[in-house]
Protein backbone atom coordinates (compact mmCIF):
# COMPACT_ATOMS: atom_id res chain seq x y z
CA UNK A 1 -27.69 105.73 92.94
CA UNK A 2 -30.68 106.81 91.66
CA UNK A 3 -33.23 103.78 90.91
CA UNK A 4 -35.39 103.69 87.33
CA UNK A 5 -39.14 102.35 87.87
CA UNK A 6 -42.30 102.65 85.73
CA UNK A 7 -43.22 104.13 88.87
CA UNK A 8 -41.12 107.84 87.97
CA UNK A 9 -40.04 107.61 85.14
CA UNK A 10 -41.67 107.18 81.32
CA UNK A 11 -40.23 106.83 78.05
CA UNK A 12 -39.72 109.70 75.28
CA UNK A 13 -40.50 107.80 72.31
CA UNK A 14 -37.67 108.88 70.39
CA UNK A 15 -39.30 109.57 67.08
CA UNK A 16 -41.39 112.80 68.77
CA UNK A 17 -36.84 114.75 68.27
CA UNK A 18 -36.55 112.18 65.10
CA UNK A 19 -39.07 112.11 62.30
CA UNK A 20 -36.94 109.13 60.84
CA UNK A 21 -35.30 107.60 63.59
CA UNK A 22 -32.54 105.24 62.43
CA UNK A 23 -31.73 101.66 63.61
CA UNK A 24 -28.46 102.41 65.49
CA UNK A 25 -30.82 104.21 67.77
CA UNK A 26 -33.33 102.99 67.94
CA UNK A 27 -31.44 99.58 69.95
CA UNK A 28 -28.88 101.16 70.46
CA UNK A 29 -30.48 104.96 72.86
CA UNK A 30 -33.29 105.04 75.96
CA UNK A 31 -35.47 108.25 76.18
CA UNK A 32 -36.95 108.37 79.88
CA UNK A 33 -38.33 111.31 81.83
CA UNK A 34 -39.07 111.60 85.36
CA UNK A 35 -42.33 112.21 86.20
CA UNK A 36 -41.53 114.92 88.84
CA UNK A 37 -39.49 116.94 87.33
CA UNK A 38 -39.42 116.16 83.67
CA UNK A 39 -35.87 116.21 83.47
CA UNK A 40 -34.81 113.14 80.89
CA UNK A 41 -32.29 110.58 81.03
CA UNK A 42 -30.85 109.82 77.74
CA UNK A 43 -29.61 106.29 77.56
CA UNK A 44 -26.93 105.25 74.83
CA UNK A 45 -25.21 102.51 74.71
CA UNK A 46 -20.97 102.54 74.75
CA UNK A 47 -20.61 101.35 71.13
CA UNK A 48 -22.21 104.63 69.58
CA UNK A 49 -20.87 107.11 71.65
CA UNK A 50 -19.26 108.44 68.18
CA UNK A 51 -21.49 107.74 66.03
CA UNK A 52 -23.36 110.93 64.33
CA UNK A 53 -27.13 110.02 64.66
CA UNK A 54 -26.11 109.96 68.52
CA UNK A 55 -24.71 113.56 68.51
CA UNK A 56 -27.70 115.05 65.94
CA UNK A 57 -30.23 113.46 68.76
CA UNK A 58 -28.03 115.53 71.16
CA UNK A 59 -28.45 118.45 68.96
CA UNK A 60 -32.18 117.95 68.79
CA UNK A 61 -32.64 117.57 72.28
CA UNK A 62 -30.91 120.62 72.96
CA UNK A 63 -33.00 122.71 70.76
CA UNK A 64 -36.52 121.03 71.91
CA UNK A 65 -35.55 122.60 75.14
CA UNK A 66 -35.16 119.06 76.68
CA UNK A 67 -33.28 118.85 80.27
CA UNK A 68 -31.57 115.33 79.86
CA UNK A 69 -27.69 114.11 81.19
CA UNK A 70 -26.22 111.46 78.71
CA UNK A 71 -25.92 108.08 80.85
CA UNK A 72 -23.44 105.26 79.07
CA UNK A 73 -24.93 101.46 78.94
CA UNK A 74 -24.00 98.19 77.92
CA UNK A 75 -26.51 96.99 75.71
CA UNK A 76 -28.29 94.44 78.96
CA UNK A 77 -29.04 97.40 81.04
CA UNK A 78 -30.71 99.28 77.88
CA UNK A 79 -33.02 95.65 77.99
CA UNK A 80 -33.57 96.26 81.53
CA UNK A 81 -35.02 99.83 80.80
CA UNK A 82 -36.87 97.95 77.95
CA UNK A 83 -40.21 97.24 80.20
CA UNK A 84 -39.80 101.15 80.84
């Protein structure tokens, strides 16, 4: 399993991708970028996997030429990523 720390990943603000980030994404999604490969990990709470804002975020990531992998997470897992 990949170890995610502030030494090997940095958090990308969703406001760089979406002008007005909806609350559902602010609280339910984190975008991390590898410091070595520039690939991204999109962590999304299971609760919003069917939300239209999530689909819009994925489309904007593709349009912005981001290479990313989606991981579904619990609220507790997302909270652990907040320090990055």
